[in-house]
N, C-alpha and C. Protein backbone atom coordinates (compact mmCIF):
# COMPACT_ATOMS: atom_id res chain seq x y z
N MET A 1 -7.46 14.96 2.52
CA MET A 1 -6.60 13.85 2.88
C MET A 1 -7.46 12.62 3.16
N ASN A 2 -7.06 11.52 2.62
CA ASN A 2 -7.79 10.26 2.82
C ASN A 2 -7.21 9.55 4.03
N THR A 3 -7.97 9.47 5.10
CA THR A 3 -7.48 8.83 6.33
C THR A 3 -7.61 7.32 6.28
N LYS A 4 -8.12 6.78 5.20
CA LYS A 4 -8.27 5.34 5.07
C LYS A 4 -7.08 4.70 4.37
N ASP A 5 -6.10 5.49 3.95
CA ASP A 5 -4.90 4.91 3.33
C ASP A 5 -4.19 4.06 4.37
N ALA A 6 -3.75 2.92 3.95
CA ALA A 6 -3.06 2.01 4.86
C ALA A 6 -1.82 1.46 4.17
N VAL A 7 -0.75 1.34 4.91
CA VAL A 7 0.46 0.72 4.40
C VAL A 7 0.44 -0.74 4.83
N LYS A 8 0.64 -1.61 3.89
CA LYS A 8 0.71 -3.03 4.18
C LYS A 8 2.10 -3.52 3.85
N ILE A 9 2.62 -4.40 4.69
CA ILE A 9 3.92 -5.00 4.44
C ILE A 9 3.70 -6.49 4.21
N ARG A 10 4.31 -6.97 3.16
CA ARG A 10 4.23 -8.39 2.83
C ARG A 10 5.62 -8.86 2.43
N GLY A 11 5.86 -10.11 2.63
CA GLY A 11 7.14 -10.68 2.25
C GLY A 11 6.95 -12.01 1.56
N PHE A 12 7.90 -12.31 0.69
CA PHE A 12 7.87 -13.55 -0.08
C PHE A 12 9.30 -14.08 -0.18
N SER A 13 9.42 -15.38 -0.05
CA SER A 13 10.75 -15.97 -0.18
C SER A 13 10.72 -17.10 -1.19
N ARG A 14 11.91 -17.45 -1.67
CA ARG A 14 12.10 -18.61 -2.53
C ARG A 14 13.42 -19.24 -2.16
N VAL A 15 13.40 -20.54 -1.92
CA VAL A 15 14.58 -21.29 -1.53
C VAL A 15 14.81 -22.37 -2.57
N GLN A 16 16.05 -22.45 -3.09
CA GLN A 16 16.39 -23.49 -4.05
C GLN A 16 17.62 -24.24 -3.58
N ILE A 17 17.51 -25.57 -3.59
CA ILE A 17 18.65 -26.43 -3.28
C ILE A 17 19.34 -26.76 -4.59
N VAL A 18 20.67 -26.57 -4.62
CA VAL A 18 21.41 -26.68 -5.86
C VAL A 18 22.48 -27.77 -5.74
N ASP A 19 22.50 -28.68 -6.71
CA ASP A 19 23.52 -29.72 -6.77
C ASP A 19 24.87 -29.11 -7.18
N PRO A 20 25.97 -29.83 -6.95
CA PRO A 20 27.29 -29.31 -7.32
C PRO A 20 27.43 -28.93 -8.80
N ASP A 21 26.67 -29.60 -9.68
CA ASP A 21 26.75 -29.28 -11.12
C ASP A 21 25.85 -28.12 -11.52
N GLY A 22 25.16 -27.51 -10.54
CA GLY A 22 24.29 -26.37 -10.81
C GLY A 22 22.83 -26.72 -11.03
N THR A 23 22.51 -27.99 -11.07
CA THR A 23 21.12 -28.43 -11.24
C THR A 23 20.30 -28.10 -10.00
N ILE A 24 19.09 -27.60 -10.21
CA ILE A 24 18.18 -27.32 -9.09
C ILE A 24 17.59 -28.65 -8.61
N ALA A 25 17.89 -29.01 -7.37
CA ALA A 25 17.42 -30.28 -6.81
C ALA A 25 16.14 -30.11 -6.00
N GLY A 26 15.84 -28.91 -5.60
CA GLY A 26 14.63 -28.63 -4.83
C GLY A 26 14.29 -27.16 -4.93
N ASP A 27 13.01 -26.84 -4.98
CA ASP A 27 12.57 -25.46 -5.14
C ASP A 27 11.30 -25.26 -4.33
N SER A 28 11.34 -24.34 -3.40
CA SER A 28 10.16 -24.07 -2.56
C SER A 28 9.05 -23.38 -3.33
N GLY A 29 9.39 -22.79 -4.46
CA GLY A 29 8.45 -21.90 -5.13
C GLY A 29 8.40 -20.61 -4.32
N ILE A 30 7.57 -19.68 -4.72
CA ILE A 30 7.45 -18.42 -4.00
C ILE A 30 6.45 -18.61 -2.87
N VAL A 31 6.91 -18.33 -1.65
CA VAL A 31 6.11 -18.57 -0.45
C VAL A 31 5.96 -17.27 0.33
N GLU A 32 4.72 -16.94 0.72
CA GLU A 32 4.51 -15.74 1.53
C GLU A 32 4.96 -16.01 2.97
N ASN A 33 5.51 -15.00 3.60
CA ASN A 33 6.03 -15.16 4.96
C ASN A 33 5.16 -14.43 5.97
N THR A 34 5.54 -14.57 7.22
CA THR A 34 4.91 -13.86 8.33
C THR A 34 5.89 -12.83 8.86
N ILE A 35 5.48 -11.58 8.92
CA ILE A 35 6.26 -10.52 9.56
C ILE A 35 5.89 -10.58 11.04
N THR A 36 6.88 -10.73 11.91
CA THR A 36 6.59 -10.84 13.34
C THR A 36 6.30 -9.48 13.97
N ASN A 37 5.69 -9.51 15.15
CA ASN A 37 5.46 -8.27 15.90
C ASN A 37 6.79 -7.57 16.20
N SER A 38 7.81 -8.35 16.55
CA SER A 38 9.14 -7.77 16.79
C SER A 38 9.69 -7.16 15.51
N GLY A 39 9.42 -7.80 14.40
CA GLY A 39 9.85 -7.25 13.11
C GLY A 39 9.24 -5.89 12.85
N LYS A 40 7.97 -5.76 13.10
CA LYS A 40 7.31 -4.47 12.91
C LYS A 40 7.84 -3.44 13.90
N ARG A 41 8.07 -3.85 15.12
CA ARG A 41 8.50 -2.92 16.17
C ARG A 41 9.95 -2.48 16.00
N TYR A 42 10.89 -3.44 15.95
CA TYR A 42 12.31 -3.10 15.98
C TYR A 42 12.88 -2.76 14.61
N TYR A 43 12.33 -3.33 13.56
CA TYR A 43 12.89 -3.10 12.24
C TYR A 43 12.21 -1.97 11.51
N LEU A 44 10.93 -1.79 11.73
CA LEU A 44 10.20 -0.78 10.97
C LEU A 44 9.95 0.48 11.78
N ALA A 45 9.17 0.38 12.83
CA ALA A 45 8.82 1.57 13.61
C ALA A 45 10.04 2.19 14.29
N ALA A 46 10.83 1.39 14.98
CA ALA A 46 11.98 1.93 15.71
C ALA A 46 13.05 2.47 14.76
N MET A 47 13.26 1.80 13.63
CA MET A 47 14.26 2.30 12.69
C MET A 47 13.82 3.62 12.07
N LEU A 48 12.54 3.73 11.74
CA LEU A 48 12.02 4.97 11.17
C LEU A 48 12.23 6.12 12.15
N GLY A 49 12.03 5.85 13.43
CA GLY A 49 12.20 6.87 14.45
C GLY A 49 13.63 6.97 14.98
N LYS A 50 14.54 6.14 14.48
CA LYS A 50 15.94 6.10 14.92
C LYS A 50 16.04 5.87 16.43
N TYR A 51 15.17 5.01 16.95
CA TYR A 51 15.19 4.70 18.38
C TYR A 51 16.31 3.75 18.72
N ALA A 52 16.77 3.82 19.96
CA ALA A 52 17.74 2.84 20.45
C ALA A 52 17.10 1.46 20.37
N GLY A 53 17.87 0.49 19.95
CA GLY A 53 17.35 -0.87 19.83
C GLY A 53 16.79 -1.18 18.46
N SER A 54 16.76 -0.18 17.57
CA SER A 54 16.29 -0.48 16.22
C SER A 54 17.34 -1.30 15.49
N SER A 55 16.92 -1.98 14.47
CA SER A 55 17.86 -2.85 13.76
C SER A 55 17.44 -3.01 12.31
N GLY A 56 18.43 -3.31 11.49
CA GLY A 56 18.19 -3.66 10.10
C GLY A 56 18.40 -5.15 9.92
N ILE A 57 18.05 -5.66 8.76
CA ILE A 57 18.25 -7.08 8.48
C ILE A 57 19.75 -7.34 8.32
N GLY A 58 20.23 -8.37 9.00
CA GLY A 58 21.65 -8.68 8.94
C GLY A 58 21.96 -10.04 8.35
N TYR A 59 21.10 -11.02 8.59
CA TYR A 59 21.39 -12.35 8.07
C TYR A 59 20.12 -13.17 7.90
N ALA A 60 20.26 -14.24 7.14
CA ALA A 60 19.19 -15.22 6.96
C ALA A 60 19.60 -16.51 7.65
N ALA A 61 18.62 -17.28 8.07
CA ALA A 61 18.88 -18.58 8.68
C ALA A 61 17.89 -19.59 8.13
N LEU A 62 18.36 -20.82 8.00
CA LEU A 62 17.51 -21.93 7.59
C LEU A 62 17.06 -22.69 8.82
N GLY A 63 15.96 -23.40 8.70
CA GLY A 63 15.48 -24.20 9.82
C GLY A 63 14.76 -25.45 9.35
N THR A 64 14.46 -26.29 10.32
CA THR A 64 13.80 -27.57 10.05
C THR A 64 12.38 -27.60 10.57
N GLY A 65 11.89 -26.48 11.06
CA GLY A 65 10.59 -26.46 11.72
C GLY A 65 9.46 -25.95 10.86
N THR A 66 8.42 -25.51 11.55
CA THR A 66 7.19 -25.05 10.91
C THR A 66 7.18 -23.54 10.77
N ALA A 67 6.08 -23.02 10.28
CA ALA A 67 5.94 -21.58 10.06
C ALA A 67 5.89 -20.82 11.39
N ALA A 68 6.31 -19.59 11.33
CA ALA A 68 6.22 -18.69 12.49
C ALA A 68 4.85 -18.01 12.47
N ASN A 69 4.46 -17.51 13.64
CA ASN A 69 3.30 -16.62 13.67
C ASN A 69 3.78 -15.26 14.16
N ALA A 70 2.90 -14.29 14.24
CA ALA A 70 3.29 -12.91 14.54
C ALA A 70 3.97 -12.76 15.90
N THR A 71 3.71 -13.64 16.84
CA THR A 71 4.29 -13.49 18.18
C THR A 71 5.64 -14.19 18.35
N HIS A 72 6.09 -14.91 17.36
CA HIS A 72 7.36 -15.64 17.49
C HIS A 72 8.56 -14.68 17.52
N THR A 73 9.52 -15.02 18.35
CA THR A 73 10.79 -14.29 18.40
C THR A 73 11.95 -15.19 17.99
N THR A 74 11.65 -16.46 17.76
CA THR A 74 12.66 -17.41 17.30
C THR A 74 12.10 -18.17 16.10
N GLN A 75 12.99 -18.82 15.39
CA GLN A 75 12.63 -19.58 14.21
C GLN A 75 12.60 -21.06 14.57
N HIS A 76 11.51 -21.75 14.31
CA HIS A 76 11.39 -23.17 14.63
C HIS A 76 12.50 -23.98 13.96
N GLY A 77 13.23 -24.72 14.77
CA GLY A 77 14.25 -25.62 14.23
C GLY A 77 15.43 -24.93 13.58
N GLU A 78 15.69 -23.66 13.97
CA GLU A 78 16.81 -22.94 13.34
C GLU A 78 18.08 -23.76 13.48
N LEU A 79 18.78 -23.91 12.36
CA LEU A 79 20.04 -24.63 12.38
C LEU A 79 21.07 -23.82 13.15
N ALA A 80 22.17 -24.44 13.54
CA ALA A 80 23.19 -23.81 14.39
C ALA A 80 23.69 -22.49 13.79
N GLU A 81 24.33 -21.68 14.62
CA GLU A 81 24.78 -20.34 14.20
C GLU A 81 25.69 -20.36 12.98
N ASN A 82 26.42 -21.45 12.75
CA ASN A 82 27.30 -21.46 11.57
C ASN A 82 26.50 -21.53 10.28
N VAL A 83 25.17 -21.58 10.38
CA VAL A 83 24.31 -21.65 9.21
C VAL A 83 23.84 -20.27 8.78
N ARG A 84 24.14 -19.27 9.54
CA ARG A 84 23.68 -17.92 9.21
C ARG A 84 24.43 -17.38 8.00
N ASP A 85 23.69 -16.71 7.15
CA ASP A 85 24.26 -16.16 5.92
C ASP A 85 23.98 -14.67 5.88
N ALA A 86 25.03 -13.88 5.73
CA ALA A 86 24.87 -12.44 5.61
C ALA A 86 24.13 -12.14 4.32
N VAL A 87 23.10 -11.33 4.40
CA VAL A 87 22.28 -11.04 3.23
C VAL A 87 22.83 -9.87 2.44
N THR A 88 22.49 -9.83 1.19
CA THR A 88 22.76 -8.70 0.32
C THR A 88 21.41 -8.09 -0.02
N ALA A 89 21.26 -6.81 0.21
CA ALA A 89 19.98 -6.15 -0.05
C ALA A 89 20.08 -5.26 -1.27
N ALA A 90 19.01 -5.22 -2.04
CA ALA A 90 18.94 -4.35 -3.21
C ALA A 90 17.51 -3.87 -3.35
N SER A 91 17.35 -2.70 -3.94
CA SER A 91 16.00 -2.20 -4.20
C SER A 91 15.34 -3.11 -5.22
N ASN A 92 14.11 -3.42 -4.98
CA ASN A 92 13.34 -4.26 -5.91
C ASN A 92 12.07 -3.49 -6.27
N GLY A 93 12.25 -2.34 -6.86
CA GLY A 93 11.13 -1.46 -7.13
C GLY A 93 11.13 -0.33 -6.12
N SER A 94 10.26 0.61 -6.29
CA SER A 94 10.28 1.79 -5.44
C SER A 94 9.80 1.53 -4.02
N THR A 95 9.05 0.46 -3.79
CA THR A 95 8.52 0.21 -2.45
C THR A 95 8.83 -1.20 -1.98
N ALA A 96 9.99 -1.72 -2.37
CA ALA A 96 10.34 -3.08 -1.98
C ALA A 96 11.85 -3.21 -1.80
N VAL A 97 12.23 -4.21 -1.02
CA VAL A 97 13.64 -4.56 -0.83
C VAL A 97 13.77 -6.05 -1.08
N GLN A 98 14.81 -6.45 -1.79
CA GLN A 98 15.06 -7.86 -2.02
C GLN A 98 16.37 -8.24 -1.35
N PHE A 99 16.32 -9.30 -0.55
CA PHE A 99 17.51 -9.86 0.10
C PHE A 99 17.85 -11.15 -0.62
N THR A 100 19.13 -11.34 -0.91
CA THR A 100 19.57 -12.55 -1.59
C THR A 100 20.80 -13.11 -0.91
N GLY A 101 21.04 -14.39 -1.10
CA GLY A 101 22.23 -15.00 -0.55
C GLY A 101 22.33 -16.47 -0.92
N THR A 102 23.44 -17.07 -0.48
CA THR A 102 23.70 -18.49 -0.73
C THR A 102 24.31 -19.11 0.50
N PHE A 103 23.77 -20.24 0.89
CA PHE A 103 24.40 -21.09 1.88
C PHE A 103 25.24 -22.07 1.07
N ALA A 104 26.55 -21.87 1.04
CA ALA A 104 27.44 -22.67 0.20
C ALA A 104 27.84 -23.96 0.92
N SER A 105 27.93 -25.04 0.17
CA SER A 105 28.32 -26.32 0.77
C SER A 105 29.71 -26.21 1.41
N ALA A 106 30.59 -25.40 0.85
CA ALA A 106 31.94 -25.23 1.39
C ALA A 106 31.93 -24.61 2.79
N ASP A 107 30.83 -23.96 3.15
CA ASP A 107 30.70 -23.34 4.48
C ASP A 107 30.20 -24.32 5.53
N ASN A 108 29.96 -25.57 5.13
CA ASN A 108 29.51 -26.62 6.05
C ASN A 108 28.26 -26.21 6.83
N PHE A 109 27.29 -25.63 6.15
CA PHE A 109 26.08 -25.22 6.85
C PHE A 109 25.23 -26.41 7.27
N VAL A 110 25.45 -27.56 6.66
CA VAL A 110 24.90 -28.82 7.17
C VAL A 110 26.05 -29.82 7.23
N THR A 111 26.12 -30.55 8.32
CA THR A 111 27.20 -31.54 8.49
C THR A 111 26.72 -32.95 8.20
N ALA A 112 25.42 -33.09 7.94
CA ALA A 112 24.80 -34.35 7.53
C ALA A 112 23.55 -33.96 6.74
N THR A 113 23.03 -34.85 5.95
CA THR A 113 21.82 -34.55 5.20
C THR A 113 20.71 -34.15 6.15
N ARG A 114 20.06 -33.02 5.86
CA ARG A 114 18.98 -32.48 6.71
C ARG A 114 17.78 -32.16 5.85
N ASN A 115 16.62 -32.24 6.43
CA ASN A 115 15.40 -31.78 5.78
C ASN A 115 15.15 -30.35 6.24
N ILE A 116 15.26 -29.40 5.33
CA ILE A 116 15.03 -28.00 5.68
C ILE A 116 13.62 -27.61 5.24
N SER A 117 13.00 -26.75 6.04
CA SER A 117 11.61 -26.41 5.75
C SER A 117 11.22 -24.98 6.10
N ASN A 118 12.18 -24.14 6.51
CA ASN A 118 11.84 -22.74 6.73
C ASN A 118 13.08 -21.87 6.57
N ILE A 119 12.82 -20.59 6.40
CA ILE A 119 13.89 -19.59 6.29
C ILE A 119 13.41 -18.35 7.04
N GLY A 120 14.34 -17.64 7.67
CA GLY A 120 13.98 -16.43 8.39
C GLY A 120 14.99 -15.33 8.16
N LEU A 121 14.55 -14.10 8.32
CA LEU A 121 15.44 -12.93 8.29
C LEU A 121 15.60 -12.42 9.71
N TRP A 122 16.82 -12.08 10.09
CA TRP A 122 17.18 -11.73 11.47
C TRP A 122 17.90 -10.39 11.53
N ALA A 123 18.03 -9.88 12.75
CA ALA A 123 18.70 -8.60 13.03
C ALA A 123 20.18 -8.65 12.67
N MET A 124 20.80 -7.49 12.59
CA MET A 124 22.23 -7.39 12.27
C MET A 124 23.11 -8.05 13.30
N ASN A 125 22.73 -7.98 14.56
CA ASN A 125 23.58 -8.57 15.60
C ASN A 125 23.10 -9.98 15.92
N THR A 126 23.97 -10.80 16.47
CA THR A 126 23.62 -12.20 16.72
C THR A 126 22.61 -12.35 17.85
N GLY A 127 22.44 -11.33 18.66
CA GLY A 127 21.44 -11.39 19.72
C GLY A 127 20.11 -10.82 19.27
N GLY A 128 19.97 -10.64 17.97
CA GLY A 128 18.80 -9.97 17.43
C GLY A 128 17.54 -10.80 17.44
N SER A 129 16.50 -10.19 16.93
CA SER A 129 15.20 -10.83 16.91
C SER A 129 14.81 -11.20 15.48
N LEU A 130 13.84 -12.06 15.38
CA LEU A 130 13.33 -12.54 14.10
C LEU A 130 12.44 -11.48 13.47
N PHE A 131 12.78 -11.07 12.26
CA PHE A 131 11.95 -10.12 11.52
C PHE A 131 10.78 -10.85 10.86
N SER A 132 11.09 -11.90 10.14
CA SER A 132 10.04 -12.65 9.45
C SER A 132 10.54 -14.06 9.15
N ALA A 133 9.60 -14.94 8.87
CA ALA A 133 9.95 -16.32 8.53
C ALA A 133 8.90 -16.89 7.60
N ALA A 134 9.34 -17.83 6.78
CA ALA A 134 8.44 -18.52 5.86
C ALA A 134 8.73 -20.01 5.92
N ALA A 135 7.69 -20.80 5.86
CA ALA A 135 7.83 -22.26 5.83
C ALA A 135 7.41 -22.75 4.45
N TYR A 136 7.97 -23.88 4.06
CA TYR A 136 7.68 -24.48 2.76
C TYR A 136 7.78 -25.98 2.91
N ALA A 137 7.41 -26.71 1.88
CA ALA A 137 7.47 -28.17 1.93
C ALA A 137 8.92 -28.60 2.19
N SER A 138 9.10 -29.48 3.13
CA SER A 138 10.42 -29.95 3.53
C SER A 138 11.18 -30.54 2.34
N SER A 139 12.48 -30.16 2.24
CA SER A 139 13.34 -30.67 1.18
C SER A 139 14.63 -31.18 1.77
N SER A 140 15.11 -32.29 1.26
CA SER A 140 16.36 -32.86 1.71
C SER A 140 17.54 -32.07 1.15
N CYS A 141 18.49 -31.75 2.02
CA CYS A 141 19.68 -31.00 1.61
C CYS A 141 20.91 -31.76 2.09
N ALA A 142 21.76 -32.17 1.16
CA ALA A 142 22.97 -32.93 1.47
C ALA A 142 24.15 -31.99 1.68
N THR A 143 25.22 -32.52 2.23
CA THR A 143 26.39 -31.70 2.55
C THR A 143 27.09 -31.14 1.32
N ASN A 144 26.89 -31.73 0.15
CA ASN A 144 27.54 -31.22 -1.07
C ASN A 144 26.64 -30.29 -1.86
N GLN A 145 25.48 -29.93 -1.32
CA GLN A 145 24.56 -29.03 -2.00
C GLN A 145 24.60 -27.64 -1.40
N ALA A 146 24.23 -26.67 -2.20
CA ALA A 146 24.13 -25.28 -1.74
C ALA A 146 22.64 -24.91 -1.68
N VAL A 147 22.34 -23.83 -0.98
CA VAL A 147 20.97 -23.31 -0.94
C VAL A 147 21.02 -21.83 -1.32
N ASN A 148 20.34 -21.50 -2.42
CA ASN A 148 20.20 -20.12 -2.85
C ASN A 148 18.84 -19.62 -2.40
N TYR A 149 18.76 -18.34 -2.03
CA TYR A 149 17.46 -17.80 -1.62
C TYR A 149 17.30 -16.37 -2.05
N THR A 150 16.05 -15.99 -2.23
CA THR A 150 15.65 -14.58 -2.40
C THR A 150 14.54 -14.35 -1.38
N TYR A 151 14.51 -13.15 -0.87
CA TYR A 151 13.51 -12.79 0.14
C TYR A 151 13.09 -11.36 -0.16
N ASP A 152 11.87 -11.18 -0.62
CA ASP A 152 11.35 -9.86 -0.97
C ASP A 152 10.43 -9.34 0.13
N VAL A 153 10.62 -8.08 0.49
CA VAL A 153 9.73 -7.41 1.44
C VAL A 153 9.14 -6.23 0.67
N THR A 154 7.81 -6.21 0.58
CA THR A 154 7.13 -5.18 -0.22
C THR A 154 6.21 -4.35 0.67
N PHE A 155 6.07 -3.10 0.31
CA PHE A 155 5.16 -2.18 0.98
C PHE A 155 4.14 -1.71 -0.04
N THR A 156 2.87 -1.87 0.30
CA THR A 156 1.82 -1.44 -0.63
C THR A 156 0.85 -0.52 0.09
């Protein structure tokens, strides 16, 4: 048995701002994220052990702030709760999960033009903790635009 085998978790997100006609108005490109200590504890270790307090990913949130580090439990500049989007998860290979979703303009996720610059994945319940977050170059998002995102979590 090789005792030097290590499991690494990495995440990548992509955020695209979409005009009403479907044109991509802004694209973060693929950005690596930070998995928080709470993410490792409550989402990975506790869920594997079926401990009380474990949680799965429940929603994504946009923000106007900077990148998170491993000790963060909140997302810098997270927009109000009405901005949360329930994620859809699908297998993205044998050792990965992909979360996707859309912040639709009809949902009024922004009530005025905002510069968005980060995205995070959060627990299933609204009192949950931040699993991971990624920051990207700030992009202007108007009230008539939507935001599509993909968020991949890979294990290697």
